[in-house]
Amino acid sequence: MTCSGDRENALLRYRQKGTFFGGAGYLDMPKSLPNDPQERRIALAKRREEQAADAPKAMAEYLAAQRAALARMHELRAMRLAREAAAAASKEPARH
């Protein structure tokens, strides 16, 4: 086996394990821009349009996740306060 064959096998093993190896593991990496200035402007404009179209959806998802986290935090706080109140009530001596 040649040295380049060993390197290719090593690369395949790294990719199969799902580890990072020089950017090979990223599937959604941004594509490089073309060198031609006109094509570059077109690609940048298209990318900006896609980002502008995705922005409202992304913001809605972000706010929904934030609201869900806040609701869960309130729920957990209420559960903790109830648990602490029950523990305090069980420790109080009975008054006669």
PDB file of N, CA and C in Angstrom:
ATOM      1  N   MET A   1       0.841  -1.185   0.000  1.00  0.00           N
ATOM      2  CA  MET A   1       0.000   0.000   0.000  1.00  0.00           C
ATOM      3  C   MET A   1       0.876   1.234   0.000  1.00  0.00           C
ATOM      4  N   THR A   2       0.474   2.240  -0.718  1.00  0.00           N
ATOM      5  CA  THR A   2       1.263   3.464  -0.779  1.00  0.00           C
ATOM      6  C   THR A   2       0.931   4.363   0.396  1.00  0.00           C
ATOM      7  N   CYS A   3       1.756   5.367   0.548  1.00  0.00           N
ATOM      8  CA  CYS A   3       1.564   6.307   1.649  1.00  0.00           C
ATOM      9  C   CYS A   3       0.249   7.067   1.492  1.00  0.00           C
ATOM     10  N   SER A   4      -0.087   7.455   0.259  1.00  0.00           N
ATOM     11  CA  SER A   4      -1.341   8.174   0.050  1.00  0.00           C
ATOM     12  C   SER A   4      -2.538   7.268   0.336  1.00  0.00           C
ATOM     13  N   GLY A   5      -2.410   5.971   0.061  1.00  0.00           N
ATOM     14  CA  GLY A   5      -3.477   5.033   0.385  1.00  0.00           C
ATOM     15  C   GLY A   5      -3.696   4.915   1.880  1.00  0.00           C
ATOM     16  N   ASP A   6      -2.591   4.930   2.638  1.00  0.00           N
ATOM     17  CA  ASP A   6      -2.704   4.895   4.093  1.00  0.00           C
ATOM     18  C   ASP A   6      -3.414   6.141   4.601  1.00  0.00           C
ATOM     19  N   ARG A   7      -3.072   7.270   4.010  1.00  0.00           N
ATOM     20  CA  ARG A   7      -3.698   8.533   4.432  1.00  0.00           C
ATOM     21  C   ARG A   7      -5.188   8.512   4.111  1.00  0.00           C
ATOM     22  N   GLU A   8      -5.549   7.996   2.943  1.00  0.00           N
ATOM     23  CA  GLU A   8      -6.967   7.921   2.575  1.00  0.00           C
ATOM     24  C   GLU A   8      -7.726   7.010   3.536  1.00  0.00           C
ATOM     25  N   ASN A   9      -7.129   5.894   3.903  1.00  0.00           N
ATOM     26  CA  ASN A   9      -7.776   4.994   4.859  1.00  0.00           C
ATOM     27  C   ASN A   9      -7.939   5.657   6.212  1.00  0.00           C
ATOM     28  N   ALA A  10      -6.921   6.412   6.622  1.00  0.00           N
ATOM     29  CA  ALA A  10      -7.005   7.124   7.897  1.00  0.00           C
ATOM     30  C   ALA A  10      -8.130   8.161   7.842  1.00  0.00           C
ATOM     31  N   LEU A  11      -8.232   8.864   6.721  1.00  0.00           N
ATOM     32  CA  LEU A  11      -9.305   9.857   6.570  1.00  0.00           C
ATOM     33  C   LEU A  11     -10.672   9.190   6.651  1.00  0.00           C
ATOM     34  N   LEU A  12     -10.814   8.050   6.009  1.00  0.00           N
ATOM     35  CA  LEU A  12     -12.093   7.339   6.043  1.00  0.00           C
ATOM     36  C   LEU A  12     -12.436   6.896   7.453  1.00  0.00           C
ATOM     37  N   ARG A  13     -11.448   6.422   8.204  1.00  0.00           N
ATOM     38  CA  ARG A  13     -11.704   6.014   9.583  1.00  0.00           C
ATOM     39  C   ARG A  13     -12.143   7.206  10.427  1.00  0.00           C
ATOM     40  N   TYR A  14     -11.498   8.353  10.255  1.00  0.00           N
ATOM     41  CA  TYR A  14     -11.884   9.532  11.018  1.00  0.00           C
ATOM     42  C   TYR A  14     -13.301   9.963  10.671  1.00  0.00           C
ATOM     43  N   ARG A  15     -13.637   9.938   9.397  1.00  0.00           N
ATOM     44  CA  ARG A  15     -14.974  10.355   8.978  1.00  0.00           C
ATOM     45  C   ARG A  15     -16.037   9.392   9.499  1.00  0.00           C
ATOM     46  N   GLN A  16     -15.732   8.102   9.505  1.00  0.00           N
ATOM     47  CA  GLN A  16     -16.698   7.122   9.978  1.00  0.00           C
ATOM     48  C   GLN A  16     -16.954   7.285  11.467  1.00  0.00           C
ATOM     49  N   LYS A  17     -15.942   7.659  12.224  1.00  0.00           N
ATOM     50  CA  LYS A  17     -16.103   7.838  13.655  1.00  0.00           C
ATOM     51  C   LYS A  17     -16.842   9.131  13.977  1.00  0.00           C
ATOM     52  N   GLY A  18     -16.922  10.038  13.016  1.00  0.00           N
ATOM     53  CA  GLY A  18     -17.632  11.285  13.240  1.00  0.00           C
ATOM     54  C   GLY A  18     -16.783  12.339  13.907  1.00  0.00           C
ATOM     55  N   THR A  19     -15.469  12.178  13.878  1.00  0.00           N
ATOM     56  CA  THR A  19     -14.610  13.170  14.492  1.00  0.00           C
ATOM     57  C   THR A  19     -14.262  14.256  13.487  1.00  0.00           C
ATOM     58  N   PHE A  20     -13.784  15.346  14.010  1.00  0.00           N
ATOM     59  CA  PHE A  20     -13.400  16.466  13.152  1.00  0.00           C
ATOM     60  C   PHE A  20     -12.034  16.191  12.560  1.00  0.00           C
ATOM     61  N   PHE A  21     -11.906  16.355  11.279  1.00  0.00           N
ATOM     62  CA  PHE A  21     -10.621  16.202  10.631  1.00  0.00           C
ATOM     63  C   PHE A  21     -10.524  17.207   9.507  1.00  0.00           C
ATOM     64  N   GLY A  22     -10.019  18.362   9.793  1.00  0.00           N
ATOM     65  CA  GLY A  22      -9.760  19.360   8.775  1.00  0.00           C
ATOM     66  C   GLY A  22     -10.993  19.862   8.049  1.00  0.00           C
ATOM     67  N   GLY A  23     -12.135  19.893   8.694  1.00  0.00           N
ATOM     68  CA  GLY A  23     -13.329  20.415   8.049  1.00  0.00           C
ATOM     69  C   GLY A  23     -14.078  19.389   7.233  1.00  0.00           C
ATOM     70  N   ALA A  24     -13.547  18.176   7.134  1.00  0.00           N
ATOM     71  CA  ALA A  24     -14.199  17.158   6.316  1.00  0.00           C
ATOM     72  C   ALA A  24     -15.518  16.701   6.928  1.00  0.00           C
ATOM     73  N   GLY A  25     -15.685  16.880   8.231  1.00  0.00           N
ATOM     74  CA  GLY A  25     -16.885  16.409   8.903  1.00  0.00           C
ATOM     75  C   GLY A  25     -18.070  17.340   8.785  1.00  0.00           C
ATOM     76  N   TYR A  26     -17.828  18.589   8.397  1.00  0.00           N
ATOM     77  CA  TYR A  26     -18.912  19.550   8.300  1.00  0.00           C
ATOM     78  C   TYR A  26     -19.629  19.416   6.968  1.00  0.00           C
ATOM     79  N   LEU A  27     -20.920  19.162   7.018  1.00  0.00           N
ATOM     80  CA  LEU A  27     -21.681  19.034   5.785  1.00  0.00           C
ATOM     81  C   LEU A  27     -22.283  20.363   5.371  1.00  0.00           C
ATOM     82  N   ASP A  28     -22.595  21.204   6.348  1.00  0.00           N
ATOM     83  CA  ASP A  28     -23.266  22.461   6.051  1.00  0.00           C
ATOM     84  C   ASP A  28     -22.321  23.648   6.062  1.00  0.00           C
ATOM     85  N   MET A  29     -21.076  23.412   5.736  1.00  0.00           N
ATOM     86  CA  MET A  29     -20.133  24.525   5.692  1.00  0.00           C
ATOM     87  C   MET A  29     -20.504  25.435   4.525  1.00  0.00           C
ATOM     88  N   PRO A  30     -20.317  26.742   4.696  1.00  0.00           N
ATOM     89  CA  PRO A  30     -20.643  27.648   3.606  1.00  0.00           C
ATOM     90  C   PRO A  30     -19.770  27.366   2.390  1.00  0.00           C
ATOM     91  N   LYS A  31     -20.369  27.487   1.257  1.00  0.00           N
ATOM     92  CA  LYS A  31     -19.639  27.269   0.017  1.00  0.00           C
ATOM     93  C   LYS A  31     -18.748  28.487  -0.236  1.00  0.00           C
ATOM     94  N   SER A  32     -17.603  28.249  -0.850  1.00  0.00           N
ATOM     95  CA  SER A  32     -16.726  29.369  -1.154  1.00  0.00           C
ATOM     96  C   SER A  32     -17.324  30.175  -2.306  1.00  0.00           C
ATOM     97  N   LEU A  33     -16.991  31.439  -2.313  1.00  0.00           N
ATOM     98  CA  LEU A  33     -17.524  32.328  -3.327  1.00  0.00           C
ATOM     99  C   LEU A  33     -16.700  32.221  -4.602  1.00  0.00           C
ATOM    100  N   PRO A  34     -17.330  32.453  -5.741  1.00  0.00           N
ATOM    101  CA  PRO A  34     -16.587  32.409  -7.008  1.00  0.00           C
ATOM    102  C   PRO A  34     -15.554  33.538  -7.085  1.00  0.00           C
ATOM    103  N   ASN A  35     -14.558  33.358  -7.927  1.00  0.00           N
ATOM    104  CA  ASN A  35     -13.518  34.368  -8.089  1.00  0.00           C
ATOM    105  C   ASN A  35     -13.940  35.497  -9.008  1.00  0.00           C
ATOM    106  N   ASP A  36     -14.824  35.235  -9.948  1.00  0.00           N
ATOM    107  CA  ASP A  36     -15.282  36.257 -10.882  1.00  0.00           C
ATOM    108  C   ASP A  36     -16.104  37.301 -10.119  1.00  0.00           C
ATOM    109  N   PRO A  37     -15.757  38.591 -10.251  1.00  0.00           N
ATOM    110  CA  PRO A  37     -16.460  39.629  -9.478  1.00  0.00           C
ATOM    111  C   PRO A  37     -17.969  39.658  -9.711  1.00  0.00           C
ATOM    112  N   GLN A  38     -18.412  39.465 -10.944  1.00  0.00           N
ATOM    113  CA  GLN A  38     -19.843  39.495 -11.234  1.00  0.00           C
ATOM    114  C   GLN A  38     -20.548  38.311 -10.574  1.00  0.00           C
ATOM    115  N   GLU A  39     -19.976  37.128 -10.712  1.00  0.00           N
ATOM    116  CA  GLU A  39     -20.564  35.936 -10.091  1.00  0.00           C
ATOM    117  C   GLU A  39     -20.542  36.051  -8.570  1.00  0.00           C
ATOM    118  N   ARG A  40     -19.482  36.670  -8.067  1.00  0.00           N
ATOM    119  CA  ARG A  40     -19.362  36.861  -6.622  1.00  0.00           C
ATOM    120  C   ARG A  40     -20.483  37.766  -6.102  1.00  0.00           C
ATOM    121  N   ARG A  41     -20.751  38.865  -6.805  1.00  0.00           N
ATOM    122  CA  ARG A  41     -21.837  39.775  -6.407  1.00  0.00           C
ATOM    123  C   ARG A  41     -23.183  39.070  -6.448  1.00  0.00           C
ATOM    124  N   ILE A  42     -23.395  38.273  -7.482  1.00  0.00           N
ATOM    125  CA  ILE A  42     -24.658  37.543  -7.604  1.00  0.00           C
ATOM    126  C   ILE A  42     -24.797  36.537  -6.461  1.00  0.00           C
ATOM    127  N   ALA A  43     -23.716  35.815  -6.171  1.00  0.00           N
ATOM    128  CA  ALA A  43     -23.758  34.825  -5.100  1.00  0.00           C
ATOM    129  C   ALA A  43     -23.999  35.492  -3.745  1.00  0.00           C
ATOM    130  N   LEU A  44     -23.346  36.626  -3.505  1.00  0.00           N
ATOM    131  CA  LEU A  44     -23.550  37.347  -2.248  1.00  0.00           C
ATOM    132  C   LEU A  44     -24.984  37.860  -2.124  1.00  0.00           C
ATOM    133  N   ALA A  45     -25.516  38.382  -3.234  1.00  0.00           N
ATOM    134  CA  ALA A  45     -26.891  38.883  -3.207  1.00  0.00           C
ATOM    135  C   ALA A  45     -27.876  37.746  -2.937  1.00  0.00           C
ATOM    136  N   LYS A  46     -27.639  36.603  -3.563  1.00  0.00           N
ATOM    137  CA  LYS A  46     -28.514  35.448  -3.348  1.00  0.00           C
ATOM    138  C   LYS A  46     -28.433  34.981  -1.895  1.00  0.00           C
ATOM    139  N   ARG A  47     -27.224  34.949  -1.352  1.00  0.00           N
ATOM    140  CA  ARG A  47     -27.036  34.532   0.033  1.00  0.00           C
ATOM    141  C   ARG A  47     -27.752  35.489   0.992  1.00  0.00           C
ATOM    142  N   ARG A  48     -27.661  36.788   0.722  1.00  0.00           N
ATOM    143  CA  ARG A  48     -28.328  37.776   1.571  1.00  0.00           C
ATOM    144  C   ARG A  48     -29.850  37.649   1.486  1.00  0.00           C
ATOM    145  N   GLU A  49     -30.369  37.381   0.289  1.00  0.00           N
ATOM    146  CA  GLU A  49     -31.810  37.189   0.132  1.00  0.00           C
ATOM    147  C   GLU A  49     -32.288  35.974   0.924  1.00  0.00           C
ATOM    148  N   GLU A  50     -31.518  34.886   0.874  1.00  0.00           N
ATOM    149  CA  GLU A  50     -31.884  33.684   1.627  1.00  0.00           C
ATOM    150  C   GLU A  50     -31.857  33.950   3.128  1.00  0.00           C
ATOM    151  N   GLN A  51     -30.847  34.688   3.584  1.00  0.00           N
ATOM    152  CA  GLN A  51     -30.765  35.020   5.004  1.00  0.00           C
ATOM    153  C   GLN A  51     -31.927  35.908   5.424  1.00  0.00           C
ATOM    154  N   ALA A  52     -32.290  36.872   4.567  1.00  0.00           N
ATOM    155  CA  ALA A  52     -33.405  37.763   4.883  1.00  0.00           C
ATOM    156  C   ALA A  52     -34.725  36.994   4.923  1.00  0.00           C
ATOM    157  N   ALA A  53     -34.866  36.001   4.056  1.00  0.00           N
ATOM    158  CA  ALA A  53     -36.091  35.203   4.035  1.00  0.00           C
ATOM    159  C   ALA A  53     -36.158  34.279   5.260  1.00  0.00           C
ATOM    160  N   ASP A  54     -35.005  33.789   5.731  1.00  0.00           N
ATOM    161  CA  ASP A  54     -34.969  32.884   6.875  1.00  0.00           C
ATOM    162  C   ASP A  54     -35.026  33.606   8.213  1.00  0.00           C
ATOM    163  N   ALA A  55     -34.737  34.891   8.228  1.00  0.00           N
ATOM    164  CA  ALA A  55     -34.636  35.633   9.485  1.00  0.00           C
ATOM    165  C   ALA A  55     -35.920  35.591  10.321  1.00  0.00           C
ATOM    166  N   PRO A  56     -37.109  35.851   9.762  1.00  0.00           N
ATOM    167  CA  PRO A  56     -38.320  35.813  10.601  1.00  0.00           C
ATOM    168  C   PRO A  56     -38.579  34.431  11.208  1.00  0.00           C
ATOM    169  N   LYS A  57     -38.345  33.397  10.427  1.00  0.00           N
ATOM    170  CA  LYS A  57     -38.551  32.038  10.928  1.00  0.00           C
ATOM    171  C   LYS A  57     -37.548  31.726  12.046  1.00  0.00           C
ATOM    172  N   ALA A  58     -36.304  32.117  11.847  1.00  0.00           N
ATOM    173  CA  ALA A  58     -35.277  31.870  12.853  1.00  0.00           C
ATOM    174  C   ALA A  58     -35.592  32.626  14.139  1.00  0.00           C
ATOM    175  N   MET A  59     -36.045  33.863  14.013  1.00  0.00           N
ATOM    176  CA  MET A  59     -36.380  34.653  15.195  1.00  0.00           C
ATOM    177  C   MET A  59     -37.581  34.051  15.921  1.00  0.00           C
ATOM    178  N   ALA A  60     -38.568  33.591  15.180  1.00  0.00           N
ATOM    179  CA  ALA A  60     -39.737  32.961  15.792  1.00  0.00           C
ATOM    180  C   ALA A  60     -39.332  31.697  16.547  1.00  0.00           C
ATOM    181  N   GLU A  61     -38.449  30.887  15.963  1.00  0.00           N
ATOM    182  CA  GLU A  61     -37.971  29.683  16.635  1.00  0.00           C
ATOM    183  C   GLU A  61     -37.186  30.037  17.892  1.00  0.00           C
ATOM    184  N   TYR A  62     -36.364  31.065  17.808  1.00  0.00           N
ATOM    185  CA  TYR A  62     -35.575  31.498  18.954  1.00  0.00           C
ATOM    186  C   TYR A  62     -36.482  31.967  20.089  1.00  0.00           C
ATOM    187  N   LEU A  63     -37.476  32.788  19.759  1.00  0.00           N
ATOM    188  CA  LEU A  63     -38.387  33.296  20.785  1.00  0.00           C
ATOM    189  C   LEU A  63     -39.236  32.167  21.385  1.00  0.00           C
ATOM    190  N   ALA A  64     -39.652  31.213  20.555  1.00  0.00           N
ATOM    191  CA  ALA A  64     -40.429  30.084  21.063  1.00  0.00           C
ATOM    192  C   ALA A  64     -39.593  29.247  22.036  1.00  0.00           C
ATOM    193  N   ALA A  65     -38.345  29.023  21.704  1.00  0.00           N
ATOM    194  CA  ALA A  65     -37.459  28.270  22.599  1.00  0.00           C
ATOM    195  C   ALA A  65     -37.233  29.032  23.893  1.00  0.00           C
ATOM    196  N   GLN A  66     -37.117  30.348  23.786  1.00  0.00           N
ATOM    197  CA  GLN A  66     -36.932  31.179  24.977  1.00  0.00           C
ATOM    198  C   GLN A  66     -38.169  31.123  25.873  1.00  0.00           C
ATOM    199  N   ARG A  67     -39.353  31.210  25.268  1.00  0.00           N
ATOM    200  CA  ARG A  67     -40.598  31.134  26.049  1.00  0.00           C
ATOM    201  C   ARG A  67     -40.745  29.761  26.712  1.00  0.00           C
ATOM    202  N   ALA A  68     -40.400  28.701  25.982  1.00  0.00           N
ATOM    203  CA  ALA A  68     -40.493  27.348  26.539  1.00  0.00           C
ATOM    204  C   ALA A  68     -39.531  27.176  27.716  1.00  0.00           C
ATOM    205  N   ALA A  69     -38.334  27.708  27.592  1.00  0.00           N
ATOM    206  CA  ALA A  69     -37.365  27.607  28.684  1.00  0.00           C
ATOM    207  C   ALA A  69     -37.845  28.387  29.899  1.00  0.00           C
ATOM    208  N   LEU A  70     -38.421  29.559  29.679  1.00  0.00           N
ATOM    209  CA  LEU A  70     -38.927  30.371  30.782  1.00  0.00           C
ATOM    210  C   LEU A  70     -40.109  29.681  31.468  1.00  0.00           C
ATOM    211  N   ALA A  71     -41.005  29.095  30.685  1.00  0.00           N
ATOM    212  CA  ALA A  71     -42.142  28.374  31.253  1.00  0.00           C
ATOM    213  C   ALA A  71     -41.661  27.177  32.075  1.00  0.00           C
ATOM    214  N   ARG A  72     -40.674  26.463  31.561  1.00  0.00           N
ATOM    215  CA  ARG A  72     -40.130  25.316  32.293  1.00  0.00           C
ATOM    216  C   ARG A  72     -39.460  25.781  33.587  1.00  0.00           C
ATOM    217  N   MET A  73     -38.781  26.916  33.541  1.00  0.00           N
ATOM    218  CA  MET A  73     -38.129  27.441  34.724  1.00  0.00           C
ATOM    219  C   MET A  73     -39.164  27.798  35.796  1.00  0.00           C
ATOM    220  N   HIS A  74     -40.272  28.404  35.391  1.00  0.00           N
ATOM    221  CA  HIS A  74     -41.341  28.734  36.337  1.00  0.00           C
ATOM    222  C   HIS A  74     -41.962  27.463  36.923  1.00  0.00           C
ATOM    223  N   GLU A  75     -42.141  26.475  36.077  1.00  0.00           N
ATOM    224  CA  GLU A  75     -42.709  25.199  36.524  1.00  0.00           C
ATOM    225  C   GLU A  75     -41.793  24.529  37.554  1.00  0.00           C
ATOM    226  N   LEU A  76     -40.502  24.512  37.273  1.00  0.00           N
ATOM    227  CA  LEU A  76     -39.548  23.904  38.200  1.00  0.00           C
ATOM    228  C   LEU A  76     -39.475  24.687  39.512  1.00  0.00           C
ATOM    229  N   ARG A  77     -39.571  25.999  39.434  1.00  0.00           N
ATOM    230  CA  ARG A  77     -39.547  26.824  40.642  1.00  0.00           C
ATOM    231  C   ARG A  77     -40.766  26.530  41.515  1.00  0.00           C
ATOM    232  N   ALA A  78     -41.925  26.421  40.877  1.00  0.00           N
ATOM    233  CA  ALA A  78     -43.146  26.125  41.628  1.00  0.00           C
ATOM    234  C   ALA A  78     -43.038  24.753  42.296  1.00  0.00           C
ATOM    235  N   MET A  79     -42.484  23.789  41.583  1.00  0.00           N
ATOM    236  CA  MET A  79     -42.313  22.454  42.151  1.00  0.00           C
ATOM    237  C   MET A  79     -41.339  22.485  43.337  1.00  0.00           C
ATOM    238  N   ARG A  80     -40.255  23.259  43.198  1.00  0.00           N
ATOM    239  CA  ARG A  80     -39.278  23.358  44.280  1.00  0.00           C
ATOM    240  C   ARG A  80     -39.895  24.019  45.505  1.00  0.00           C
ATOM    241  N   LEU A  81     -40.639  25.105  45.299  1.00  0.00           N
ATOM    242  CA  LEU A  81     -41.269  25.799  46.425  1.00  0.00           C
ATOM    243  C   LEU A  81     -42.285  24.892  47.134  1.00  0.00           C
ATOM    244  N   ALA A  82     -43.047  24.111  46.358  1.00  0.00           N
ATOM    245  CA  ALA A  82     -44.010  23.188  46.958  1.00  0.00           C
ATOM    246  C   ALA A  82     -43.291  22.109  47.757  1.00  0.00           C
ATOM    247  N   ARG A  83     -42.199  21.605  47.219  1.00  0.00           N
ATOM    248  CA  ARG A  83     -41.428  20.574  47.907  1.00  0.00           C
ATOM    249  C   ARG A  83     -40.823  21.126  49.200  1.00  0.00           C
ATOM    250  N   GLU A  84     -40.301  22.354  49.140  1.00  0.00           N
ATOM    251  CA  GLU A  84     -39.729  22.977  50.346  1.00  0.00           C
ATOM    252  C   GLU A  84     -40.802  23.255  51.390  1.00  0.00           C
ATOM    253  N   ALA A  85     -41.980  23.667  50.955  1.00  0.00           N
ATOM    254  CA  ALA A  85     -43.071  23.936  51.894  1.00  0.00           C
ATOM    255  C   ALA A  85     -43.521  22.637  52.568  1.00  0.00           C
ATOM    256  N   ALA A  86     -43.596  21.562  51.795  1.00  0.00           N
ATOM    257  CA  ALA A  86     -43.985  20.274  52.360  1.00  0.00           C
ATOM    258  C   ALA A  86     -42.934  19.777  53.351  1.00  0.00           C
ATOM    259  N   ALA A  87     -41.682  19.987  53.045  1.00  0.00           N
ATOM    260  CA  ALA A  87     -40.619  19.566  53.943  1.00  0.00           C
ATOM    261  C   ALA A  87     -40.639  20.398  55.227  1.00  0.00           C
ATOM    262  N   ALA A  88     -40.878  21.697  55.073  1.00  0.00           N
ATOM    263  CA  ALA A  88     -40.956  22.557  56.266  1.00  0.00           C
ATOM    264  C   ALA A  88     -42.160  22.213  57.123  1.00  0.00           C
ATOM    265  N   ALA A  89     -43.280  21.876  56.496  1.00  0.00           N
ATOM    266  CA  ALA A  89     -44.491  21.533  57.245  1.00  0.00           C
ATOM    267  C   ALA A  89     -44.316  20.234  58.008  1.00  0.00           C
ATOM    268  N   SER A  90     -43.585  19.296  57.441  1.00  0.00           N
ATOM    269  CA  SER A  90     -43.403  18.011  58.121  1.00  0.00           C
ATOM    270  C   SER A  90     -42.405  18.126  59.287  1.00  0.00           C
ATOM    271  N   LYS A  91     -41.559  19.129  59.271  1.00  0.00           N
ATOM    272  CA  LYS A  91     -40.571  19.298  60.332  1.00  0.00           C
ATOM    273  C   LYS A  91     -41.091  20.123  61.494  1.00  0.00           C
ATOM    274  N   GLU A  92     -42.197  20.846  61.307  1.00  0.00           N
ATOM    275  CA  GLU A  92     -42.745  21.677  62.379  1.00  0.00           C
ATOM    276  C   GLU A  92     -43.296  20.790  63.478  1.00  0.00           C
ATOM    277  N   PRO A  93     -43.033  21.131  64.735  1.00  0.00           N
ATOM    278  CA  PRO A  93     -43.601  20.341  65.817  1.00  0.00           C
ATOM    279  C   PRO A  93     -45.113  20.581  65.932  1.00  0.00           C
ATOM    280  N   ALA A  94     -45.845  19.576  66.334  1.00  0.00           N
ATOM    281  CA  ALA A  94     -47.300  19.706  66.473  1.00  0.00           C
ATOM    282  C   ALA A  94     -47.603  20.579  67.688  1.00  0.00           C
ATOM    283  N   ARG A  95     -48.507  21.528  67.503  1.00  0.00           N
ATOM    284  CA  ARG A  95     -48.880  22.426  68.605  1.00  0.00           C
ATOM    285  C   ARG A  95     -50.149  21.911  69.267  1.00  0.00           C
ATOM    286  N   HIS A  96     -50.118  21.901  70.574  1.00  0.00           N
ATOM    287  CA  HIS A  96     -51.293  21.435  71.329  1.00  0.00           C
ATOM    288  C   HIS A  96     -51.938  22.540  72.063  1.00  0.00           C
TER     289      HIS A  96
END
